[in-house]
Structure formats: structure tokens, C-alpha cells
């Protein structure tokens, strides 16, 4: 039996995530008050209804803070009774959320005549801080398209073996900001930059010529070996500790050449090792 709790900031993509889970065969309930989540949990544990063996519920900031504070103990209880329970937390930076509400002309659930949109977002972050700290899978959708979010949910929550860590490898450019949802961030800006080769500038780290240029440098080979060794050493420890998801971000200046190459190299290694791997090149999208 599996239960996914979908929560996070308004405008960050919770409805898209729930709709995607529904397409995957989950029985989905949106905007479920926490007291009803407690009742649902009791039903799941008592009845073991096969029609509800895959469930997803949406919880937002309209639940009271004291009710949200009970969710961590409820999740722990569910897991202790054999229910595979994951918490998916979606967020984005303030300018992105404000832009999305402006474009869709939707009303933020915490705004009124006395509370501005920016104030409502800040209040929502505070209310949901307990859910953010509980999240097994935090996802920052600031730079994520609708289609990318759907793919991420499908890949990471579709019939996965909980005993195996799902690894997301992300390339990014430091000049566009560090991914807020990364568990590990590696900086490869010290490596030779293909940008300064005129013929390589329009290409990406996925192209053979760029890969050949980078692999001709000992520092690149050494960095790749070091990152491979780090992941091979520590991913099993996260699995042994019950960790389900791991996001590893690799950044260079613009997110076009070095970080893309390194993510592709790490993905190839982990895939050959039989691991569940997903890649995302943030700036290329």
C-alpha cells in the first residue's frame, strides 16, 4: 500500500502533480484537511482496501498550524504499520510565484483586502515549514516547466522500489542560481571551459566535440573519478538509512558545457551500475 502526501506553496504545481499521479493510477483527493487525513489513515490501516492501495492526497496551508504539526507523527505511524508513505513538497521562489498568480489571475488562498500577495506567500512558507522539513522529495519548480514536472513525478513516484534510492542528477549554471532542492551541490567551474573555444561555444556538454575536449584534460578525468567515487561510496549508506530520493546538482558558470557533460558522465556510470537515475539539464530547457 502506498500513500503520497502532496503539499507545498500555492502556485508551485501541486495540482499538476496530483493530476499526474491520478494518470498513474493513484486514487487522488485534493485539499484534504489534516483531521480527515487522520481518519483516512485509520481506514487504510484497518481495512486494507485493494481499491485504495495507491493513494495521493493534497494538503495545503488552509489547514491549521496545530493540525499540520501532527502530520510528522502520523506519517511515522503509517510507516510503522507497513504503509509506504512519501511526502512530496513543491515550492518556487517568490518572484516566480507572484508572476504565476499575475498571469493566471488566480487568488492566493491566504490573501484578502488587508494581506498582499507577497505577504500571503511569506505566511504560507511559515505555515508549511513543518511539511517542508518532513519532505522526502522536495521539488523547486522555479525553473521547471509543466512537462518537466509531470516527467519528474512519473519517474520518481511510479511503482518504485522504496529500498532503492531514486537519483536525480541536475546540471545548472551558477549565474542563474543554485537549485534549492539539491541534497548535494558540486562546483565544476574550476575545469577548462569549452566556452572559450569558438567552435565549441554554440554546442553543449552532450555533444561529442565538447566531451572530447573535456576528456583530454587530466583535471576533468580526476573530477569525474572523484564524483563517481563519492556517489558509489555514499548512495548505499543513504539506502541503508531508508532514504528514498537523492538530488545531486552539478554546476558550472552557464550550465551549458561542463556541468552538462559531468551529469551525463555520472548518469552513464550510475545507470551501468543498475541504479534508478533521472537527469535534468536546467539551463538547456
Protein backbone atom coordinates (compact mmCIF):
# COMPACT_ATOMS: atom_id res chain seq x y z
CA UNK A 1 0.00 0.00 0.00
CA UNK A 2 1.35 3.43 -0.95
CA UNK A 3 0.31 6.93 0.13
CA UNK A 4 1.77 10.13 -1.31
CA UNK A 5 1.12 13.40 0.52
CA UNK A 6 1.37 16.28 -1.98
CA UNK A 7 1.89 19.63 -0.33
CA UNK A 8 3.72 22.91 -0.84
CA UNK A 9 3.22 26.51 -1.87
CA UNK A 10 0.25 27.70 -3.86
CA UNK A 11 1.25 28.16 -7.49
CA UNK A 12 4.13 25.69 -7.29
CA UNK A 13 2.41 22.90 -9.23
CA UNK A 14 0.50 20.77 -6.68
CA UNK A 15 -2.49 20.34 -8.98
CA UNK A 16 -0.24 19.21 -11.83
CA UNK A 17 1.45 16.69 -9.53
CA UNK A 18 -1.88 15.29 -8.33
CA UNK A 19 -3.26 15.06 -11.86
CA UNK A 20 -0.13 13.20 -12.94
CA UNK A 21 -0.44 10.76 -10.04
CA UNK A 22 -4.08 10.20 -10.97
CA UNK A 23 -2.96 9.33 -14.51
CA UNK A 24 -0.56 6.81 -12.95
CA UNK A 25 -3.46 5.05 -11.25
CA UNK A 26 -3.43 6.72 -7.84
CA UNK A 27 -6.74 7.48 -6.10
CA UNK A 28 -6.34 11.22 -5.50
CA UNK A 29 -8.00 13.61 -3.04
CA UNK A 30 -7.17 17.32 -3.18
CA UNK A 31 -7.31 19.88 -0.35
CA UNK A 32 -7.82 17.25 2.35
CA UNK A 33 -8.00 18.76 5.88
CA UNK A 34 -5.48 17.15 8.23
CA UNK A 35 -8.16 15.78 10.62
CA UNK A 36 -9.64 13.89 7.64
CA UNK A 37 -6.15 12.63 6.77
CA UNK A 38 -6.03 11.09 10.24
CA UNK A 39 -9.38 9.40 9.60
CA UNK A 40 -8.22 8.22 6.19
CA UNK A 41 -5.06 6.77 7.72
CA UNK A 42 -7.11 4.82 10.24
CA UNK A 43 -9.27 3.47 7.42
CA UNK A 44 -6.25 2.47 5.34
CA UNK A 45 -4.65 0.67 8.26
CA UNK A 46 -7.87 -1.08 9.33
CA UNK A 47 -9.46 -2.03 6.01
CA UNK A 48 -6.53 -2.58 3.62
CA UNK A 49 -8.93 -1.84 0.76
CA UNK A 50 -7.32 -3.01 -2.53
CA UNK A 51 -9.09 -0.18 -4.37
CA UNK A 52 -7.12 2.28 -2.24
CA UNK A 53 -3.73 0.57 -2.45
CA UNK A 54 -2.29 3.59 -4.33
CA UNK A 55 -3.43 6.92 -2.87
CA UNK A 56 -2.36 10.55 -3.09
CA UNK A 57 -3.75 13.43 -1.01
CA UNK A 58 -3.20 17.15 -1.33
CA UNK A 59 -2.69 19.24 1.82
CA UNK A 60 -2.25 23.00 1.76
CA UNK A 61 -1.80 25.93 4.11
CA UNK A 62 -5.52 26.25 4.82
CA UNK A 63 -5.09 23.51 7.41
CA UNK A 64 -4.44 24.93 10.89
CA UNK A 65 -0.87 25.06 12.14
CA UNK A 66 -1.65 22.82 15.12
CA UNK A 67 -3.15 20.24 12.76
CA UNK A 68 -0.12 20.35 10.45
CA UNK A 69 2.12 19.82 13.46
CA UNK A 70 0.53 16.37 13.92
CA UNK A 71 1.44 15.19 10.41
CA UNK A 72 5.03 14.03 11.18
CA UNK A 73 3.84 11.66 13.91
CA UNK A 74 1.02 10.46 11.66
CA UNK A 75 3.46 9.70 8.83
CA UNK A 76 5.74 7.85 11.24
CA UNK A 77 2.77 5.80 12.46
CA UNK A 78 1.74 4.94 8.91
CA UNK A 79 5.23 3.75 8.03
CA UNK A 80 5.42 1.76 11.23
CA UNK A 81 2.27 -0.10 10.16
CA UNK A 82 3.68 -1.03 6.77
CA UNK A 83 2.25 1.76 4.58
CA UNK A 84 4.78 3.20 2.12
CA UNK A 85 4.26 6.93 2.72
CA UNK A 86 6.10 9.69 0.84
CA UNK A 87 5.80 13.46 1.23
CA UNK A 88 6.19 15.48 -1.98
CA UNK A 89 6.76 19.19 -1.25
CA UNK A 90 6.60 21.68 -4.13
CA UNK A 91 7.96 25.22 -3.93
CA UNK A 92 9.30 28.07 -6.06
CA UNK A 93 10.92 31.44 -5.39
CA UNK A 94 8.75 34.46 -4.59
CA UNK A 95 9.13 36.32 -7.93
CA UNK A 96 8.11 33.18 -9.83
CA UNK A 97 5.04 32.59 -7.65
CA UNK A 98 3.98 36.23 -7.95
CA UNK A 99 4.41 36.07 -11.74
CA UNK A 100 2.33 32.87 -11.96
CA UNK A 101 -0.53 34.36 -9.94
CA UNK A 102 -0.39 37.52 -12.03
CA UNK A 103 -0.54 35.55 -15.29
CA UNK A 104 -3.37 33.24 -14.23
CA UNK A 105 -5.24 35.94 -12.26
CA UNK A 106 -5.93 33.40 -9.55
CA UNK A 107 -6.39 34.45 -5.96
CA UNK A 108 -3.90 33.17 -3.40
CA UNK A 109 -5.85 31.28 -0.69
CA UNK A 110 -4.31 33.40 2.10
CA UNK A 111 -4.86 36.85 0.57
CA UNK A 112 -7.62 39.26 1.47
CA UNK A 113 -8.12 43.02 1.38
CA UNK A 114 -5.54 43.50 4.13
CA UNK A 115 -2.97 40.90 3.04
CA UNK A 116 -0.90 41.39 -0.12
CA UNK A 117 0.22 38.52 -2.34
CA UNK A 118 3.84 38.80 -1.17
CA UNK A 119 2.72 38.74 2.47
CA UNK A 120 0.48 35.72 1.80
CA UNK A 121 3.37 33.78 0.24
CA UNK A 122 5.62 34.57 3.22
CA UNK A 123 2.89 33.47 5.62
CA UNK A 124 2.32 30.29 3.64
CA UNK A 125 6.03 29.40 3.81
CA UNK A 126 5.90 29.81 7.57
CA UNK A 127 2.75 27.70 7.99
CA UNK A 128 4.12 24.90 5.80
CA UNK A 129 7.63 24.85 7.29
CA UNK A 130 6.79 21.67 9.19
CA UNK A 131 5.78 19.98 5.94
CA UNK A 132 8.93 21.21 4.19
CA UNK A 133 11.12 19.68 6.89
CA UNK A 134 9.18 16.40 6.59
CA UNK A 135 9.51 16.14 2.80
CA UNK A 136 11.07 13.02 1.32
CA UNK A 137 11.00 14.65 -2.10
CA UNK A 138 11.32 18.46 -2.14
CA UNK A 139 11.00 19.92 -5.64
CA UNK A 140 11.78 23.51 -6.60
CA UNK A 141 9.71 24.33 -9.69
CA UNK A 142 11.14 27.83 -10.22
CA UNK A 143 12.87 26.74 -13.44
CA UNK A 144 10.64 23.73 -14.17
CA UNK A 145 8.10 23.61 -16.98
CA UNK A 146 4.74 21.87 -16.71
CA UNK A 147 6.01 18.98 -18.84
CA UNK A 148 9.21 18.61 -16.80
CA UNK A 149 7.24 18.46 -13.56
CA UNK A 150 4.97 15.77 -14.99
CA UNK A 151 8.00 13.75 -16.10
CA UNK A 152 9.66 14.13 -12.71
CA UNK A 153 6.55 12.91 -10.85
CA UNK A 154 6.10 9.99 -13.25
CA UNK A 155 9.73 8.92 -12.95
CA UNK A 156 10.13 9.24 -9.21
CA UNK A 157 6.73 8.05 -7.97
CA UNK A 158 5.73 5.35 -10.43
CA UNK A 159 5.98 1.90 -8.87
CA UNK A 160 9.42 2.49 -7.40
CA UNK A 161 11.12 0.06 -5.02
CA UNK A 162 11.43 2.03 -1.79
CA UNK A 163 14.61 0.14 -0.85
CA UNK A 164 16.42 1.69 -3.84
CA UNK A 165 17.31 5.39 -3.88
CA UNK A 166 15.96 7.32 -6.88
CA UNK A 167 18.76 9.66 -8.00
CA UNK A 168 18.07 12.91 -9.87
CA UNK A 169 21.15 14.47 -11.49
CA UNK A 170 20.76 18.17 -12.33
CA UNK A 171 23.11 20.39 -14.31
CA UNK A 172 22.81 24.14 -13.75
CA UNK A 173 24.55 27.49 -14.16
CA UNK A 174 25.65 29.31 -11.02
CA UNK A 175 24.81 32.65 -12.64
CA UNK A 176 21.15 31.55 -12.67
CA UNK A 177 21.11 30.38 -9.04
CA UNK A 178 21.74 27.14 -7.17
CA UNK A 179 18.84 24.60 -7.14
CA UNK A 180 17.11 24.93 -3.78
CA UNK A 181 16.08 21.27 -3.65
CA UNK A 182 19.55 19.73 -4.12
CA UNK A 183 20.95 17.37 -1.48
CA UNK A 184 24.49 17.78 -2.84
CA UNK A 185 25.93 20.60 -4.97
CA UNK A 186 29.21 20.14 -6.83
CA UNK A 187 31.06 23.02 -8.49
CA UNK A 188 32.95 22.24 -11.72
CA UNK A 189 33.80 25.85 -12.64
CA UNK A 190 37.46 25.08 -11.95
CA UNK A 191 37.60 22.83 -15.05
CA UNK A 192 38.66 24.03 -18.54
CA UNK A 193 35.81 25.94 -20.16
CA UNK A 194 34.77 25.00 -23.72
CA UNK A 195 33.08 28.40 -23.96
CA UNK A 196 36.45 29.93 -24.82
CA UNK A 197 36.81 27.71 -27.88
CA UNK A 198 34.92 29.45 -30.69
CA UNK A 199 33.89 26.21 -32.42
CA UNK A 200 32.58 24.72 -29.15
CA UNK A 201 30.70 27.76 -27.85
CA UNK A 202 27.33 27.01 -29.52
CA UNK A 203 27.46 23.32 -28.52
CA UNK A 204 26.55 21.67 -25.20
CA UNK A 205 28.06 19.07 -22.91
CA UNK A 206 26.02 16.45 -24.73
CA UNK A 207 27.97 16.96 -27.96
CA UNK A 208 30.85 14.66 -28.85
CA UNK A 209 33.27 17.51 -29.64
CA UNK A 210 32.73 19.08 -26.22
CA UNK A 211 33.11 15.73 -24.47
CA UNK A 212 36.32 15.03 -26.41
CA UNK A 213 37.74 18.44 -25.45
CA UNK A 214 36.93 17.97 -21.77
CA UNK A 215 38.19 14.40 -21.59
CA UNK A 216 41.54 15.50 -23.00
CA UNK A 217 42.24 17.28 -19.68
CA UNK A 218 43.51 15.37 -16.66
CA UNK A 219 41.60 17.63 -14.23
CA UNK A 220 38.29 16.67 -15.84
CA UNK A 221 39.12 12.97 -15.61
CA UNK A 222 40.15 13.38 -11.97
CA UNK A 223 36.96 15.30 -11.10
CA UNK A 224 34.81 12.64 -12.73
CA UNK A 225 36.58 9.86 -10.83
CA UNK A 226 36.18 11.76 -7.57
CA UNK A 227 32.43 12.33 -8.05
CA UNK A 228 31.87 8.73 -9.15
CA UNK A 229 33.76 7.53 -6.09
CA UNK A 230 31.74 9.81 -3.80
CA UNK A 231 28.39 8.60 -5.15
CA UNK A 232 29.43 4.94 -5.17
CA UNK A 233 30.58 5.26 -1.57
CA UNK A 234 27.64 7.14 -0.09
CA UNK A 235 24.49 6.21 -2.05
CA UNK A 236 24.40 2.76 -0.38
CA UNK A 237 24.59 4.48 3.01
CA UNK A 238 21.55 6.60 2.17
CA UNK A 239 19.70 3.45 1.07
CA UNK A 240 20.63 1.68 4.30
CA UNK A 241 19.27 4.68 6.21
CA UNK A 242 15.90 4.36 4.42
CA UNK A 243 16.39 7.34 2.10
CA UNK A 244 14.16 7.19 -0.99
CA UNK A 245 15.28 10.18 -3.07
CA UNK A 246 18.58 11.94 -3.70
CA UNK A 247 19.11 15.06 -5.82
CA UNK A 248 22.67 15.79 -6.94
CA UNK A 249 23.34 19.11 -8.67
CA UNK A 250 26.45 19.88 -10.71
CA UNK A 251 27.07 23.49 -11.66
CA UNK A 252 29.32 25.47 -13.95
CA UNK A 253 29.11 29.13 -14.94
CA UNK A 254 26.33 28.99 -17.53
CA UNK A 255 25.07 25.42 -17.26
CA UNK A 256 25.79 24.61 -20.91
CA UNK A 257 29.06 22.69 -21.19
CA UNK A 258 30.98 21.38 -18.17
CA UNK A 259 28.07 20.66 -15.82
CA UNK A 260 26.06 19.03 -18.62
CA UNK A 261 28.99 16.82 -19.57
CA UNK A 262 29.58 15.78 -15.95
CA UNK A 263 25.91 14.96 -15.32
CA UNK A 264 25.84 12.80 -18.46
CA UNK A 265 29.03 11.03 -17.36
CA UNK A 266 27.67 10.39 -13.85
CA UNK A 267 24.34 9.22 -15.27
CA UNK A 268 26.06 6.72 -17.56
CA UNK A 269 28.08 5.32 -14.66
CA UNK A 270 25.11 5.00 -12.28
CA UNK A 271 22.89 3.50 -14.99
CA UNK A 272 25.52 0.87 -15.76
CA UNK A 273 25.63 0.14 -12.02
CA UNK A 274 21.88 -0.62 -12.14
CA UNK A 275 20.67 2.46 -10.30
CA UNK A 276 17.43 4.38 -10.86
CA UNK A 277 18.63 7.63 -12.44
CA UNK A 278 16.92 10.67 -13.91
CA UNK A 279 18.78 13.60 -15.50
CA UNK A 280 17.73 17.21 -15.94
CA UNK A 281 19.71 19.96 -17.65
CA UNK A 282 18.06 23.02 -16.17
CA UNK A 283 19.53 25.73 -18.37
CA UNK A 284 19.23 23.75 -21.61
CA UNK A 285 15.45 23.62 -21.13
